[in-house]
Structure formats: structure tokens, C-alpha cells
Amino acid sequence: MVTGRLSDGSTCTGEWRSGFAFGTGRSALSCTDGSRAQVIYCIQHNETGTVEGRGMDTKGRALQVWTGLNVLEFLNDDNGRPRLPCTDDAIPIS
């Protein structure tokens, strides 16, 4: 099970599967705003076990996602604060 939130506040849930070509994973998500999304996970950070994925939803919005047991550690900045690297200025996670 995968759960997440879009920047507009909509929540998304779906299934995640791994074991595809070249070690990739995939998820298919349905969101509360009526959109659906496909994500391919292709980058793994071995130290934290975090995987990064990218995709697009049915409204044409690009998605960048992270998942893993230690994802907040992976997203920590130089000061140890978790931040989303989605823009030129990282967004703090509270």
C-alpha cells in the first residue's frame, strides 16, 4: 500500500510493486481529486533504503515521490531537518 499527498492537499493511495526490469518498482495511485497516477521508482539510496520515483497524473501534473522506512532521514538537509527538494528552495517538512 502506498499513501501520499499532492501539493494541493489531495491524498492518493494505491499499490506498489517491485521486481521489474533493472530493479525498478511501480505504483498505480487514485487521488481524492479524481485523478489517477502512475509512478516508476528507479533510484535507490542504499544507506536509508529510500527509493525515489517519478510519474505523471491524469491531469498532466508531474510527480516526484520518495518512500522507505527512513525517508525523513534521506530528506534531511545539512542541518538535519527534513525538507522536500521539489523547488529551487527546499520545502520544510513539519
PDB file of N, CA and C in Angstrom:
ATOM      1  N   MET A   1       0.843  -1.174   0.000  1.00  0.00           N
ATOM      2  CA  MET A   1       0.000   0.000   0.000  1.00  0.00           C
ATOM      3  C   MET A   1       0.891   1.241   0.000  1.00  0.00           C
ATOM      4  N   VAL A   2       0.545   2.202  -0.830  1.00  0.00           N
ATOM      5  CA  VAL A   2       1.243   3.489  -0.893  1.00  0.00           C
ATOM      6  C   VAL A   2       0.223   4.575  -0.575  1.00  0.00           C
ATOM      7  N   THR A   3       0.596   5.527   0.255  1.00  0.00           N
ATOM      8  CA  THR A   3      -0.252   6.687   0.515  1.00  0.00           C
ATOM      9  C   THR A   3       0.598   7.938   0.384  1.00  0.00           C
ATOM     10  N   GLY A   4      -0.010   9.023  -0.036  1.00  0.00           N
ATOM     11  CA  GLY A   4       0.724  10.272  -0.186  1.00  0.00           C
ATOM     12  C   GLY A   4      -0.222  11.445  -0.323  1.00  0.00           C
ATOM     13  N   ARG A   5       0.382  12.604  -0.469  1.00  0.00           N
ATOM     14  CA  ARG A   5      -0.400  13.830  -0.579  1.00  0.00           C
ATOM     15  C   ARG A   5       0.200  14.687  -1.694  1.00  0.00           C
ATOM     16  N   LEU A   6      -0.664  15.235  -2.545  1.00  0.00           N
ATOM     17  CA  LEU A   6      -0.225  16.153  -3.595  1.00  0.00           C
ATOM     18  C   LEU A   6      -0.055  17.550  -3.016  1.00  0.00           C
ATOM     19  N   SER A   7       0.618  18.419  -3.741  1.00  0.00           N
ATOM     20  CA  SER A   7       0.855  19.777  -3.245  1.00  0.00           C
ATOM     21  C   SER A   7      -0.443  20.560  -3.041  1.00  0.00           C
ATOM     22  N   ASP A   8      -1.551  20.164  -3.699  1.00  0.00           N
ATOM     23  CA  ASP A   8      -2.827  20.860  -3.499  1.00  0.00           C
ATOM     24  C   ASP A   8      -3.608  20.301  -2.309  1.00  0.00           C
ATOM     25  N   GLY A   9      -3.043  19.321  -1.599  1.00  0.00           N
ATOM     26  CA  GLY A   9      -3.684  18.739  -0.426  1.00  0.00           C
ATOM     27  C   GLY A   9      -4.450  17.464  -0.693  1.00  0.00           C
ATOM     28  N   SER A  10      -4.675  17.105  -1.947  1.00  0.00           N
ATOM     29  CA  SER A  10      -5.361  15.859  -2.282  1.00  0.00           C
ATOM     30  C   SER A  10      -4.528  14.673  -1.804  1.00  0.00           C
ATOM     31  N   THR A  11      -5.197  13.642  -1.322  1.00  0.00           N
ATOM     32  CA  THR A  11      -4.485  12.437  -0.911  1.00  0.00           C
ATOM     33  C   THR A  11      -4.593  11.376  -1.995  1.00  0.00           C
ATOM     34  N   CYS A  12      -3.590  10.532  -2.063  1.00  0.00           N
ATOM     35  CA  CYS A  12      -3.543   9.472  -3.063  1.00  0.00           C
ATOM     36  C   CYS A  12      -3.180   8.154  -2.375  1.00  0.00           C
ATOM     37  N   THR A  13      -3.778   7.083  -2.840  1.00  0.00           N
ATOM     38  CA  THR A  13      -3.456   5.753  -2.334  1.00  0.00           C
ATOM     39  C   THR A  13      -3.357   4.796  -3.508  1.00  0.00           C
ATOM     40  N   GLY A  14      -2.630   3.722  -3.299  1.00  0.00           N
ATOM     41  CA  GLY A  14      -2.502   2.737  -4.352  1.00  0.00           C
ATOM     42  C   GLY A  14      -1.616   1.587  -3.951  1.00  0.00           C
ATOM     43  N   GLU A  15      -1.285   0.784  -4.922  1.00  0.00           N
ATOM     44  CA  GLU A  15      -0.439  -0.385  -4.732  1.00  0.00           C
ATOM     45  C   GLU A  15       0.940  -0.126  -5.299  1.00  0.00           C
ATOM     46  N   TRP A  16       1.954  -0.671  -4.632  1.00  0.00           N
ATOM     47  CA  TRP A  16       3.342  -0.560  -5.074  1.00  0.00           C
ATOM     48  C   TRP A  16       3.869  -1.958  -5.315  1.00  0.00           C
ATOM     49  N   ARG A  17       4.551  -2.131  -6.422  1.00  0.00           N
ATOM     50  CA  ARG A  17       5.142  -3.429  -6.761  1.00  0.00           C
ATOM     51  C   ARG A  17       6.583  -3.217  -7.217  1.00  0.00           C
ATOM     52  N   SER A  18       7.436  -4.139  -6.831  1.00  0.00           N
ATOM     53  CA  SER A  18       8.834  -4.065  -7.244  1.00  0.00           C
ATOM     54  C   SER A  18       9.188  -5.298  -8.051  1.00  0.00           C
ATOM     55  N   GLY A  19      10.433  -5.345  -8.509  1.00  0.00           N
ATOM     56  CA  GLY A  19      10.902  -6.516  -9.231  1.00  0.00           C
ATOM     57  C   GLY A  19      10.768  -6.416 -10.737  1.00  0.00           C
ATOM     58  N   PHE A  20      10.620  -5.201 -11.260  1.00  0.00           N
ATOM     59  CA  PHE A  20      10.547  -5.026 -12.705  1.00  0.00           C
ATOM     60  C   PHE A  20      11.957  -4.913 -13.283  1.00  0.00           C
ATOM     61  N   ALA A  21      12.065  -4.719 -14.562  1.00  0.00           N
ATOM     62  CA  ALA A  21      13.365  -4.640 -15.246  1.00  0.00           C
ATOM     63  C   ALA A  21      14.281  -3.619 -14.583  1.00  0.00           C
ATOM     64  N   PHE A  22      15.547  -3.967 -14.474  1.00  0.00           N
ATOM     65  CA  PHE A  22      16.594  -3.103 -13.927  1.00  0.00           C
ATOM     66  C   PHE A  22      16.311  -2.697 -12.477  1.00  0.00           C
ATOM     67  N   GLY A  23      15.549  -3.496 -11.744  1.00  0.00           N
ATOM     68  CA  GLY A  23      15.286  -3.233 -10.341  1.00  0.00           C
ATOM     69  C   GLY A  23      14.270  -2.139 -10.071  1.00  0.00           C
ATOM     70  N   THR A  24      13.485  -1.770 -11.060  1.00  0.00           N
ATOM     71  CA  THR A  24      12.508  -0.701 -10.860  1.00  0.00           C
ATOM     72  C   THR A  24      11.264  -1.213 -10.131  1.00  0.00           C
ATOM     73  N   GLY A  25      10.515  -0.274  -9.585  1.00  0.00           N
ATOM     74  CA  GLY A  25       9.226  -0.553  -8.980  1.00  0.00           C
ATOM     75  C   GLY A  25       8.188   0.355  -9.604  1.00  0.00           C
ATOM     76  N   ARG A  26       6.929   0.017  -9.413  1.00  0.00           N
ATOM     77  CA  ARG A  26       5.853   0.823  -9.998  1.00  0.00           C
ATOM     78  C   ARG A  26       4.699   0.932  -9.026  1.00  0.00           C
ATOM     79  N   SER A  27       3.993   2.038  -9.111  1.00  0.00           N
ATOM     80  CA  SER A  27       2.755   2.162  -8.342  1.00  0.00           C
ATOM     81  C   SER A  27       1.693   2.809  -9.215  1.00  0.00           C
ATOM     82  N   ALA A  28       0.463   2.401  -8.951  1.00  0.00           N
ATOM     83  CA  ALA A  28      -0.721   2.992  -9.578  1.00  0.00           C
ATOM     84  C   ALA A  28      -1.530   3.598  -8.446  1.00  0.00           C
ATOM     85  N   LEU A  29      -1.831   4.892  -8.546  1.00  0.00           N
ATOM     86  CA  LEU A  29      -2.473   5.628  -7.466  1.00  0.00           C
ATOM     87  C   LEU A  29      -3.805   6.218  -7.911  1.00  0.00           C
ATOM     88  N   SER A  30      -4.745   6.299  -6.983  1.00  0.00           N
ATOM     89  CA  SER A  30      -6.008   7.018  -7.172  1.00  0.00           C
ATOM     90  C   SER A  30      -6.043   8.127  -6.137  1.00  0.00           C
ATOM     91  N   CYS A  31      -6.441   9.338  -6.568  1.00  0.00           N
ATOM     92  CA  CYS A  31      -6.390  10.508  -5.682  1.00  0.00           C
ATOM     93  C   CYS A  31      -7.789  11.058  -5.418  1.00  0.00           C
ATOM     94  N   THR A  32      -7.930  11.739  -4.284  1.00  0.00           N
ATOM     95  CA  THR A  32      -9.234  12.256  -3.872  1.00  0.00           C
ATOM     96  C   THR A  32      -9.746  13.367  -4.777  1.00  0.00           C
ATOM     97  N   ASP A  33      -8.887  13.954  -5.619  1.00  0.00           N
ATOM     98  CA  ASP A  33      -9.356  14.982  -6.556  1.00  0.00           C
ATOM     99  C   ASP A  33      -9.839  14.362  -7.870  1.00  0.00           C
ATOM    100  N   GLY A  34      -9.908  13.028  -7.911  1.00  0.00           N
ATOM    101  CA  GLY A  34     -10.393  12.328  -9.089  1.00  0.00           C
ATOM    102  C   GLY A  34      -9.311  11.917 -10.069  1.00  0.00           C
ATOM    103  N   SER A  35      -8.086  12.345  -9.858  1.00  0.00           N
ATOM    104  CA  SER A  35      -7.010  11.980 -10.771  1.00  0.00           C
ATOM    105  C   SER A  35      -6.445  10.604 -10.425  1.00  0.00           C
ATOM    106  N   ARG A  36      -5.735  10.038 -11.369  1.00  0.00           N
ATOM    107  CA  ARG A  36      -5.010   8.786 -11.187  1.00  0.00           C
ATOM    108  C   ARG A  36      -3.575   9.054 -11.611  1.00  0.00           C
ATOM    109  N   ALA A  37      -2.652   8.269 -11.088  1.00  0.00           N
ATOM    110  CA  ALA A  37      -1.245   8.490 -11.406  1.00  0.00           C
ATOM    111  C   ALA A  37      -0.505   7.173 -11.527  1.00  0.00           C
ATOM    112  N   GLN A  38       0.526   7.205 -12.337  1.00  0.00           N
ATOM    113  CA  GLN A  38       1.463   6.090 -12.482  1.00  0.00           C
ATOM    114  C   GLN A  38       2.839   6.605 -12.085  1.00  0.00           C
ATOM    115  N   VAL A  39       3.547   5.849 -11.260  1.00  0.00           N
ATOM    116  CA  VAL A  39       4.886   6.244 -10.812  1.00  0.00           C
ATOM    117  C   VAL A  39       5.834   5.083 -11.051  1.00  0.00           C
ATOM    118  N   ILE A  40       7.025   5.398 -11.538  1.00  0.00           N
ATOM    119  CA  ILE A  40       8.097   4.412 -11.673  1.00  0.00           C
ATOM    120  C   ILE A  40       9.192   4.791 -10.686  1.00  0.00           C
ATOM    121  N   TYR A  41       9.534   3.848  -9.800  1.00  0.00           N
ATOM    122  CA  TYR A  41      10.602   4.047  -8.821  1.00  0.00           C
ATOM    123  C   TYR A  41      11.888   3.486  -9.413  1.00  0.00           C
ATOM    124  N   CYS A  42      12.895   4.342  -9.523  1.00  0.00           N
ATOM    125  CA  CYS A  42      14.089   3.877 -10.231  1.00  0.00           C
ATOM    126  C   CYS A  42      15.407   4.207  -9.539  1.00  0.00           C
ATOM    127  N   ILE A  43      15.379   4.999  -8.475  1.00  0.00           N
ATOM    128  CA  ILE A  43      16.617   5.376  -7.798  1.00  0.00           C
ATOM    129  C   ILE A  43      16.529   4.903  -6.358  1.00  0.00           C
ATOM    130  N   GLN A  44      17.564   4.175  -5.887  1.00  0.00           N
ATOM    131  CA  GLN A  44      17.565   3.709  -4.513  1.00  0.00           C
ATOM    132  C   GLN A  44      18.769   4.256  -3.772  1.00  0.00           C
ATOM    133  N   HIS A  45      18.525   4.760  -2.575  1.00  0.00           N
ATOM    134  CA  HIS A  45      19.567   5.240  -1.680  1.00  0.00           C
ATOM    135  C   HIS A  45      19.799   4.122  -0.664  1.00  0.00           C
ATOM    136  N   ASN A  46      20.878   3.357  -0.855  1.00  0.00           N
ATOM    137  CA  ASN A  46      21.090   2.158  -0.053  1.00  0.00           C
ATOM    138  C   ASN A  46      21.258   2.436   1.437  1.00  0.00           C
ATOM    139  N   GLU A  47      21.835   3.574   1.794  1.00  0.00           N
ATOM    140  CA  GLU A  47      22.090   3.872   3.202  1.00  0.00           C
ATOM    141  C   GLU A  47      20.802   3.963   4.020  1.00  0.00           C
ATOM    142  N   THR A  48      19.757   4.575   3.462  1.00  0.00           N
ATOM    143  CA  THR A  48      18.495   4.719   4.188  1.00  0.00           C
ATOM    144  C   THR A  48      17.402   3.782   3.670  1.00  0.00           C
ATOM    145  N   GLY A  49      17.635   3.106   2.569  1.00  0.00           N
ATOM    146  CA  GLY A  49      16.619   2.238   1.991  1.00  0.00           C
ATOM    147  C   GLY A  49      15.501   2.989   1.297  1.00  0.00           C
ATOM    148  N   THR A  50      15.725   4.264   1.017  1.00  0.00           N
ATOM    149  CA  THR A  50      14.713   5.094   0.370  1.00  0.00           C
ATOM    150  C   THR A  50      14.786   4.923  -1.141  1.00  0.00           C
ATOM    151  N   VAL A  51      13.622   4.841  -1.775  1.00  0.00           N
ATOM    152  CA  VAL A  51      13.576   4.824  -3.231  1.00  0.00           C
ATOM    153  C   VAL A  51      12.858   6.080  -3.710  1.00  0.00           C
ATOM    154  N   GLU A  52      13.304   6.568  -4.854  1.00  0.00           N
ATOM    155  CA  GLU A  52      12.733   7.773  -5.453  1.00  0.00           C
ATOM    156  C   GLU A  52      12.035   7.394  -6.744  1.00  0.00           C
ATOM    157  N   GLY A  53      10.890   7.986  -6.962  1.00  0.00           N
ATOM    158  CA  GLY A  53      10.142   7.723  -8.179  1.00  0.00           C
ATOM    159  C   GLY A  53       9.627   8.997  -8.814  1.00  0.00           C
ATOM    160  N   ARG A  54       9.291   8.876 -10.081  1.00  0.00           N
ATOM    161  CA  ARG A  54       8.719   9.995 -10.826  1.00  0.00           C
ATOM    162  C   ARG A  54       7.579   9.463 -11.682  1.00  0.00           C
ATOM    163  N   GLY A  55       6.623  10.333 -11.924  1.00  0.00           N
ATOM    164  CA  GLY A  55       5.495   9.922 -12.733  1.00  0.00           C
ATOM    165  C   GLY A  55       4.656  11.107 -13.140  1.00  0.00           C
ATOM    166  N   MET A  56       3.446  10.804 -13.595  1.00  0.00           N
ATOM    167  CA  MET A  56       2.527  11.846 -14.037  1.00  0.00           C
ATOM    168  C   MET A  56       1.109  11.392 -13.734  1.00  0.00           C
ATOM    169  N   ASP A  57       0.269  12.367 -13.409  1.00  0.00           N
ATOM    170  CA  ASP A  57      -1.128  12.014 -13.160  1.00  0.00           C
ATOM    171  C   ASP A  57      -1.975  12.328 -14.386  1.00  0.00           C
ATOM    172  N   THR A  58      -3.258  11.977 -14.310  1.00  0.00           N
ATOM    173  CA  THR A  58      -4.160  12.147 -15.451  1.00  0.00           C
ATOM    174  C   THR A  58      -4.500  13.604 -15.719  1.00  0.00           C
ATOM    175  N   LYS A  59      -4.107  14.519 -14.826  1.00  0.00           N
ATOM    176  CA  LYS A  59      -4.287  15.951 -15.059  1.00  0.00           C
ATOM    177  C   LYS A  59      -3.022  16.588 -15.630  1.00  0.00           C
ATOM    178  N   GLY A  60      -2.025  15.752 -15.971  1.00  0.00           N
ATOM    179  CA  GLY A  60      -0.798  16.247 -16.578  1.00  0.00           C
ATOM    180  C   GLY A  60       0.224  16.790 -15.596  1.00  0.00           C
ATOM    181  N   ARG A  61       0.019  16.589 -14.298  1.00  0.00           N
ATOM    182  CA  ARG A  61       0.958  17.081 -13.292  1.00  0.00           C
ATOM    183  C   ARG A  61       2.082  16.075 -13.089  1.00  0.00           C
ATOM    184  N   ALA A  62       3.308  16.578 -13.060  1.00  0.00           N
ATOM    185  CA  ALA A  62       4.462  15.724 -12.789  1.00  0.00           C
ATOM    186  C   ALA A  62       4.516  15.407 -11.305  1.00  0.00           C
ATOM    187  N   LEU A  63       4.902  14.187 -10.978  1.00  0.00           N
ATOM    188  CA  LEU A  63       5.023  13.750  -9.596  1.00  0.00           C
ATOM    189  C   LEU A  63       6.462  13.348  -9.307  1.00  0.00           C
ATOM    190  N   GLN A  64       6.925  13.695  -8.119  1.00  0.00           N
ATOM    191  CA  GLN A  64       8.213  13.230  -7.613  1.00  0.00           C
ATOM    192  C   GLN A  64       7.911  12.675  -6.233  1.00  0.00           C
ATOM    193  N   VAL A  65       8.247  11.401  -5.998  1.00  0.00           N
ATOM    194  CA  VAL A  65       7.871  10.738  -4.752  1.00  0.00           C
ATOM    195  C   VAL A  65       9.065  10.021  -4.137  1.00  0.00           C
ATOM    196  N   TRP A  66       8.992   9.857  -2.814  1.00  0.00           N
ATOM    197  CA  TRP A  66      10.007   9.117  -2.075  1.00  0.00           C
ATOM    198  C   TRP A  66       9.280   8.175  -1.137  1.00  0.00           C
ATOM    199  N   THR A  67       9.821   6.987  -0.936  1.00  0.00           N
ATOM    200  CA  THR A  67       9.234   6.052   0.005  1.00  0.00           C
ATOM    201  C   THR A  67      10.331   5.209   0.635  1.00  0.00           C
ATOM    202  N   GLY A  68      10.062   4.740   1.827  1.00  0.00           N
ATOM    203  CA  GLY A  68      11.009   3.900   2.548  1.00  0.00           C
ATOM    204  C   GLY A  68      10.837   4.073   4.036  1.00  0.00           C
ATOM    205  N   LEU A  69      11.417   3.158   4.807  1.00  0.00           N
ATOM    206  CA  LEU A  69      11.282   3.219   6.262  1.00  0.00           C
ATOM    207  C   LEU A  69      11.999   4.415   6.863  1.00  0.00           C
ATOM    208  N   ASN A  70      13.045   4.921   6.203  1.00  0.00           N
ATOM    209  CA  ASN A  70      13.826   6.034   6.739  1.00  0.00           C
ATOM    210  C   ASN A  70      13.821   7.228   5.798  1.00  0.00           C
ATOM    211  N   VAL A  71      12.677   7.488   5.158  1.00  0.00           N
ATOM    212  CA  VAL A  71      12.607   8.541   4.142  1.00  0.00           C
ATOM    213  C   VAL A  71      12.907   9.925   4.724  1.00  0.00           C
ATOM    214  N   LEU A  72      12.507  10.197   5.976  1.00  0.00           N
ATOM    215  CA  LEU A  72      12.805  11.516   6.555  1.00  0.00           C
ATOM    216  C   LEU A  72      14.305  11.712   6.729  1.00  0.00           C
ATOM    217  N   GLU A  73      15.024  10.652   7.111  1.00  0.00           N
ATOM    218  CA  GLU A  73      16.488  10.738   7.205  1.00  0.00           C
ATOM    219  C   GLU A  73      17.094  11.047   5.835  1.00  0.00           C
ATOM    220  N   PHE A  74      16.564  10.410   4.798  1.00  0.00           N
ATOM    221  CA  PHE A  74      17.044  10.639   3.436  1.00  0.00           C
ATOM    222  C   PHE A  74      16.832  12.086   3.015  1.00  0.00           C
ATOM    223  N   LEU A  75      15.717  12.689   3.437  1.00  0.00           N
ATOM    224  CA  LEU A  75      15.374  14.047   3.027  1.00  0.00           C
ATOM    225  C   LEU A  75      15.980  15.128   3.923  1.00  0.00           C
ATOM    226  N   ASN A  76      16.765  14.738   4.939  1.00  0.00           N
ATOM    227  CA  ASN A  76      17.385  15.730   5.818  1.00  0.00           C
ATOM    228  C   ASN A  76      18.339  16.641   5.060  1.00  0.00           C
ATOM    229  N   ASP A  77      18.307  17.931   5.406  1.00  0.00           N
ATOM    230  CA  ASP A  77      19.267  18.878   4.845  1.00  0.00           C
ATOM    231  C   ASP A  77      20.557  18.836   5.677  1.00  0.00           C
ATOM    232  N   ASP A  78      21.482  19.738   5.426  1.00  0.00           N
ATOM    233  CA  ASP A  78      22.766  19.754   6.126  1.00  0.00           C
ATOM    234  C   ASP A  78      22.624  20.007   7.624  1.00  0.00           C
ATOM    235  N   ASN A  79      21.481  20.554   8.046  1.00  0.00           N
ATOM    236  CA  ASN A  79      21.240  20.833   9.462  1.00  0.00           C
ATOM    237  C   ASN A  79      20.392  19.757  10.130  1.00  0.00           C
ATOM    238  N   GLY A  80      20.127  18.652   9.420  1.00  0.00           N
ATOM    239  CA  GLY A  80      19.360  17.564   9.992  1.00  0.00           C
ATOM    240  C   GLY A  80      17.864  17.762   9.996  1.00  0.00           C
ATOM    241  N   ARG A  81      17.360  18.741   9.221  1.00  0.00           N
ATOM    242  CA  ARG A  81      15.912  18.992   9.126  1.00  0.00           C
ATOM    243  C   ARG A  81      15.383  18.403   7.824  1.00  0.00           C
ATOM    244  N   PRO A  82      14.284  17.634   7.882  1.00  0.00           N
ATOM    245  CA  PRO A  82      13.736  17.077   6.637  1.00  0.00           C
ATOM    246  C   PRO A  82      13.103  18.158   5.765  1.00  0.00           C
ATOM    247  N   ARG A  83      13.444  18.144   4.484  1.00  0.00           N
ATOM    248  CA  ARG A  83      12.919  19.118   3.520  1.00  0.00           C
ATOM    249  C   ARG A  83      12.690  18.416   2.183  1.00  0.00           C
ATOM    250  N   LEU A  84      11.618  18.806   1.512  1.00  0.00           N
ATOM    251  CA  LEU A  84      11.331  18.261   0.187  1.00  0.00           C
ATOM    252  C   LEU A  84      12.091  19.051  -0.867  1.00  0.00           C
ATOM    253  N   PRO A  85      12.927  18.399  -1.653  1.00  0.00           N
ATOM    254  CA  PRO A  85      13.700  19.099  -2.691  1.00  0.00           C
ATOM    255  C   PRO A  85      12.910  19.254  -3.983  1.00  0.00           C
ATOM    256  N   CYS A  86      11.719  19.861  -3.893  1.00  0.00           N
ATOM    257  CA  CYS A  86      10.822  19.959  -5.051  1.00  0.00           C
ATOM    258  C   CYS A  86      11.008  21.242  -5.848  1.00  0.00           C
ATOM    259  N   THR A  87      11.604  22.245  -5.255  1.00  0.00           N
ATOM    260  CA  THR A  87      11.743  23.550  -5.896  1.00  0.00           C
ATOM    261  C   THR A  87      13.172  24.024  -5.711  1.00  0.00           C
ATOM    262  N   ASP A  88      13.466  25.215  -6.205  1.00  0.00           N
ATOM    263  CA  ASP A  88      14.793  25.793  -6.002  1.00  0.00           C
ATOM    264  C   ASP A  88      15.079  25.985  -4.509  1.00  0.00           C
ATOM    265  N   ASP A  89      14.037  26.313  -3.726  1.00  0.00           N
ATOM    266  CA  ASP A  89      14.158  26.432  -2.281  1.00  0.00           C
ATOM    267  C   ASP A  89      13.412  25.255  -1.666  1.00  0.00           C
ATOM    268  N   ALA A  90      14.138  24.375  -0.969  1.00  0.00           N
ATOM    269  CA  ALA A  90      13.514  23.171  -0.414  1.00  0.00           C
ATOM    270  C   ALA A  90      12.382  23.549   0.539  1.00  0.00           C
ATOM    271  N   ILE A  91      11.349  22.712   0.561  1.00  0.00           N
ATOM    272  CA  ILE A  91      10.165  22.953   1.388  1.00  0.00           C
ATOM    273  C   ILE A  91      10.326  22.204   2.705  1.00  0.00           C
ATOM    274  N   PRO A  92      10.283  22.923   3.853  1.00  0.00           N
ATOM    275  CA  PRO A  92      10.409  22.240   5.153  1.00  0.00           C
ATOM    276  C   PRO A  92       9.266  21.268   5.402  1.00  0.00           C
ATOM    277  N   ILE A  93       9.566  20.172   6.062  1.00  0.00           N
ATOM    278  CA  ILE A  93       8.555  19.201   6.468  1.00  0.00           C
ATOM    279  C   ILE A  93       8.393  19.348   7.968  1.00  0.00           C
ATOM    280  N   SER A  94       7.158  19.599   8.411  1.00  0.00           N
ATOM    281  CA  SER A  94       6.945  19.756   9.853  1.00  0.00           C
ATOM    282  C   SER A  94       6.237  18.567  10.422  1.00  0.00           C
TER     283      SER A  94
END
